[in-house]
Amino acid sequence: MEAFAKKLFRSKYVLEVINNIDFSPTSVNLIKEKYSDGTIDVVLYWEDAGYGMKVQTTGRNYRETEEIAKILKKEFDK
């Protein structure tokens, strides 16, 4: 998970990783949830353990955060 977080920091849209999120073993998408405060729940669904993290982005509202989530999915999804 730490290695993936370092990859995320290469994006100009990611400011920080806030914390881990709940175990999500059944998730099938990189982006679990998007919020209007600019945070996104990211799940490493290809890992058996279902690791995930809450990421703070540069998004200032839901629409911007949604577009950033699309960019992150395109760049980092497997």
N, C-alpha and C. Protein backbone atom coordinates (compact mmCIF):
# COMPACT_ATOMS: atom_id res chain seq x y z
N MET A 1 0.83 -1.18 0.00
CA MET A 1 0.00 0.00 0.00
C MET A 1 0.88 1.25 0.00
N GLU A 2 1.99 1.21 0.71
CA GLU A 2 2.88 2.37 0.75
C GLU A 2 3.47 2.66 -0.63
N ALA A 3 3.82 1.61 -1.36
CA ALA A 3 4.37 1.80 -2.70
C ALA A 3 3.34 2.44 -3.63
N PHE A 4 2.07 2.03 -3.51
CA PHE A 4 1.03 2.62 -4.33
C PHE A 4 0.80 4.08 -3.95
N ALA A 5 0.86 4.38 -2.66
CA ALA A 5 0.70 5.77 -2.22
C ALA A 5 1.80 6.65 -2.81
N LYS A 6 3.02 6.14 -2.87
CA LYS A 6 4.11 6.91 -3.47
C LYS A 6 3.84 7.18 -4.95
N LYS A 7 3.24 6.22 -5.64
CA LYS A 7 2.87 6.43 -7.04
C LYS A 7 1.81 7.52 -7.16
N LEU A 8 0.84 7.50 -6.24
CA LEU A 8 -0.23 8.51 -6.26
C LEU A 8 0.33 9.93 -6.10
N PHE A 9 1.38 10.07 -5.32
CA PHE A 9 1.95 11.40 -5.08
C PHE A 9 2.59 11.98 -6.34
N ARG A 10 2.82 11.17 -7.36
CA ARG A 10 3.33 11.69 -8.63
C ARG A 10 2.29 12.54 -9.36
N SER A 11 1.02 12.33 -9.00
CA SER A 11 -0.05 13.09 -9.62
C SER A 11 -0.11 14.49 -9.01
N LYS A 12 -0.28 15.48 -9.86
CA LYS A 12 -0.37 16.85 -9.36
C LYS A 12 -1.69 17.12 -8.63
N TYR A 13 -2.62 16.17 -8.70
CA TYR A 13 -3.93 16.34 -8.06
C TYR A 13 -4.00 15.76 -6.65
N VAL A 14 -3.01 14.99 -6.25
CA VAL A 14 -3.03 14.34 -4.93
C VAL A 14 -2.17 15.15 -3.96
N LEU A 15 -2.78 15.53 -2.84
CA LEU A 15 -2.07 16.31 -1.83
C LEU A 15 -1.51 15.43 -0.72
N GLU A 16 -2.32 14.49 -0.22
CA GLU A 16 -1.88 13.64 0.89
C GLU A 16 -2.77 12.41 1.00
N VAL A 17 -2.24 11.41 1.70
CA VAL A 17 -3.04 10.26 2.10
C VAL A 17 -3.44 10.52 3.54
N ILE A 18 -4.74 10.59 3.78
CA ILE A 18 -5.23 10.94 5.11
C ILE A 18 -5.14 9.76 6.07
N ASN A 19 -5.69 8.61 5.66
CA ASN A 19 -5.65 7.41 6.50
C ASN A 19 -6.09 6.19 5.69
N ASN A 20 -6.03 5.05 6.34
CA ASN A 20 -6.54 3.82 5.74
C ASN A 20 -8.05 3.81 5.85
N ILE A 21 -8.71 3.07 4.96
CA ILE A 21 -10.16 2.91 5.08
C ILE A 21 -10.47 1.46 5.42
N ASP A 22 -11.72 1.19 5.71
CA ASP A 22 -12.15 -0.14 6.12
C ASP A 22 -11.81 -1.19 5.08
N PHE A 23 -11.64 -2.38 5.55
CA PHE A 23 -11.38 -3.56 4.74
C PHE A 23 -12.45 -3.68 3.66
N SER A 24 -12.05 -3.79 2.39
CA SER A 24 -12.99 -3.86 1.27
C SER A 24 -12.62 -5.01 0.32
N PRO A 25 -12.78 -6.26 0.75
CA PRO A 25 -12.33 -7.39 -0.07
C PRO A 25 -13.19 -7.64 -1.31
N THR A 26 -14.40 -7.10 -1.35
CA THR A 26 -15.29 -7.36 -2.48
C THR A 26 -15.32 -6.23 -3.50
N SER A 27 -14.54 -5.20 -3.30
CA SER A 27 -14.51 -4.07 -4.22
C SER A 27 -13.91 -4.48 -5.56
N VAL A 28 -14.45 -3.94 -6.64
CA VAL A 28 -13.95 -4.26 -7.98
C VAL A 28 -13.51 -3.00 -8.75
N ASN A 29 -13.49 -1.86 -8.07
CA ASN A 29 -13.09 -0.59 -8.68
C ASN A 29 -12.02 0.08 -7.84
N LEU A 30 -11.14 0.82 -8.51
CA LEU A 30 -10.11 1.57 -7.80
C LEU A 30 -10.73 2.66 -6.93
N ILE A 31 -11.73 3.34 -7.46
CA ILE A 31 -12.39 4.43 -6.73
C ILE A 31 -13.64 3.89 -6.05
N LYS A 32 -13.62 3.92 -4.72
CA LYS A 32 -14.77 3.42 -3.97
C LYS A 32 -15.81 4.52 -3.77
N GLU A 33 -15.34 5.70 -3.39
CA GLU A 33 -16.27 6.80 -3.09
C GLU A 33 -15.57 8.14 -3.34
N LYS A 34 -16.36 9.14 -3.73
CA LYS A 34 -15.88 10.50 -3.94
C LYS A 34 -16.69 11.43 -3.04
N TYR A 35 -16.06 12.44 -2.50
CA TYR A 35 -16.72 13.36 -1.57
C TYR A 35 -16.54 14.80 -2.02
N SER A 36 -17.46 15.66 -1.63
CA SER A 36 -17.43 17.06 -2.05
C SER A 36 -16.31 17.87 -1.40
N ASP A 37 -15.68 17.33 -0.35
CA ASP A 37 -14.58 18.04 0.29
C ASP A 37 -13.23 17.76 -0.38
N GLY A 38 -13.26 17.04 -1.52
CA GLY A 38 -12.04 16.77 -2.27
C GLY A 38 -11.35 15.48 -1.90
N THR A 39 -11.97 14.66 -1.06
CA THR A 39 -11.37 13.38 -0.71
C THR A 39 -11.95 12.26 -1.57
N ILE A 40 -11.12 11.24 -1.77
CA ILE A 40 -11.51 10.07 -2.55
C ILE A 40 -11.06 8.83 -1.80
N ASP A 41 -11.93 7.82 -1.74
CA ASP A 41 -11.57 6.53 -1.18
C ASP A 41 -11.04 5.67 -2.31
N VAL A 42 -9.80 5.23 -2.18
CA VAL A 42 -9.12 4.42 -3.18
C VAL A 42 -8.93 3.02 -2.61
N VAL A 43 -9.31 2.00 -3.39
CA VAL A 43 -9.17 0.61 -2.94
C VAL A 43 -8.26 -0.14 -3.90
N LEU A 44 -7.29 -0.84 -3.36
CA LEU A 44 -6.41 -1.68 -4.18
C LEU A 44 -7.11 -3.02 -4.37
N TYR A 45 -8.11 -3.03 -5.23
CA TYR A 45 -8.98 -4.19 -5.38
C TYR A 45 -8.26 -5.41 -5.93
N TRP A 46 -7.12 -5.25 -6.56
CA TRP A 46 -6.38 -6.38 -7.10
C TRP A 46 -5.60 -7.12 -6.01
N GLU A 47 -5.50 -6.53 -4.82
CA GLU A 47 -4.87 -7.19 -3.68
C GLU A 47 -5.92 -8.02 -2.95
N ASP A 48 -5.57 -9.22 -2.54
CA ASP A 48 -6.50 -10.08 -1.82
C ASP A 48 -6.94 -9.49 -0.49
N ALA A 49 -6.09 -8.68 0.11
CA ALA A 49 -6.39 -8.12 1.43
C ALA A 49 -7.41 -6.99 1.39
N GLY A 50 -7.70 -6.41 0.23
CA GLY A 50 -8.68 -5.33 0.13
C GLY A 50 -8.23 -4.03 0.76
N TYR A 51 -6.95 -3.72 0.64
CA TYR A 51 -6.41 -2.49 1.21
C TYR A 51 -7.04 -1.26 0.57
N GLY A 52 -7.14 -0.19 1.36
CA GLY A 52 -7.68 1.05 0.83
C GLY A 52 -7.19 2.24 1.62
N MET A 53 -7.33 3.43 1.03
CA MET A 53 -6.89 4.66 1.70
C MET A 53 -7.77 5.82 1.27
N LYS A 54 -7.85 6.79 2.15
CA LYS A 54 -8.55 8.04 1.86
C LYS A 54 -7.50 9.05 1.42
N VAL A 55 -7.72 9.65 0.24
CA VAL A 55 -6.75 10.55 -0.37
C VAL A 55 -7.34 11.94 -0.48
N GLN A 56 -6.58 12.95 -0.07
CA GLN A 56 -6.99 14.34 -0.23
C GLN A 56 -6.47 14.83 -1.58
N THR A 57 -7.38 15.36 -2.40
CA THR A 57 -7.00 15.87 -3.71
C THR A 57 -7.14 17.39 -3.74
N THR A 58 -6.87 17.96 -4.89
CA THR A 58 -7.00 19.40 -5.05
C THR A 58 -8.43 19.81 -5.38
N GLY A 59 -9.34 18.84 -5.45
CA GLY A 59 -10.73 19.14 -5.77
C GLY A 59 -11.37 20.06 -4.73
N ARG A 60 -12.09 21.07 -5.22
CA ARG A 60 -12.74 22.03 -4.31
C ARG A 60 -14.22 21.78 -4.15
N ASN A 61 -14.79 20.92 -5.01
CA ASN A 61 -16.20 20.57 -4.92
C ASN A 61 -16.37 19.16 -5.51
N TYR A 62 -17.61 18.67 -5.50
CA TYR A 62 -17.83 17.30 -5.95
C TYR A 62 -17.49 17.12 -7.43
N ARG A 63 -17.85 18.08 -8.25
CA ARG A 63 -17.60 17.96 -9.69
C ARG A 63 -16.10 17.87 -9.99
N GLU A 64 -15.30 18.72 -9.37
CA GLU A 64 -13.85 18.67 -9.58
C GLU A 64 -13.28 17.35 -9.06
N THR A 65 -13.76 16.92 -7.89
CA THR A 65 -13.28 15.66 -7.31
C THR A 65 -13.64 14.48 -8.19
N GLU A 66 -14.80 14.52 -8.79
CA GLU A 66 -15.22 13.45 -9.69
C GLU A 66 -14.31 13.38 -10.93
N GLU A 67 -13.94 14.52 -11.47
CA GLU A 67 -13.03 14.55 -12.62
C GLU A 67 -11.64 14.06 -12.24
N ILE A 68 -11.18 14.45 -11.07
CA ILE A 68 -9.88 13.97 -10.59
C ILE A 68 -9.91 12.46 -10.40
N ALA A 69 -11.01 11.94 -9.89
CA ALA A 69 -11.14 10.49 -9.72
C ALA A 69 -11.04 9.77 -11.06
N LYS A 70 -11.62 10.34 -12.10
CA LYS A 70 -11.52 9.75 -13.44
C LYS A 70 -10.07 9.73 -13.92
N ILE A 71 -9.36 10.82 -13.67
CA ILE A 71 -7.95 10.90 -14.07
C ILE A 71 -7.12 9.87 -13.31
N LEU A 72 -7.33 9.77 -12.00
CA LEU A 72 -6.58 8.81 -11.19
C LEU A 72 -6.88 7.38 -11.63
N LYS A 73 -8.13 7.12 -11.94
CA LYS A 73 -8.50 5.77 -12.41
C LYS A 73 -7.78 5.46 -13.72
N LYS A 74 -7.74 6.41 -14.62
CA LYS A 74 -7.10 6.20 -15.91
C LYS A 74 -5.58 5.98 -15.74
N GLU A 75 -4.96 6.73 -14.84
CA GLU A 75 -3.51 6.65 -14.66
C GLU A 75 -3.05 5.46 -13.82
N PHE A 76 -3.83 5.07 -12.81
CA PHE A 76 -3.33 4.12 -11.82
C PHE A 76 -4.09 2.80 -11.72
N ASP A 77 -5.20 2.66 -12.42
CA ASP A 77 -5.96 1.40 -12.34
C ASP A 77 -5.25 0.32 -13.13
N LYS A 78 -5.35 -0.90 -12.64
CA LYS A 78 -4.72 -2.03 -13.33
C LYS A 78 -5.66 -2.68 -14.29
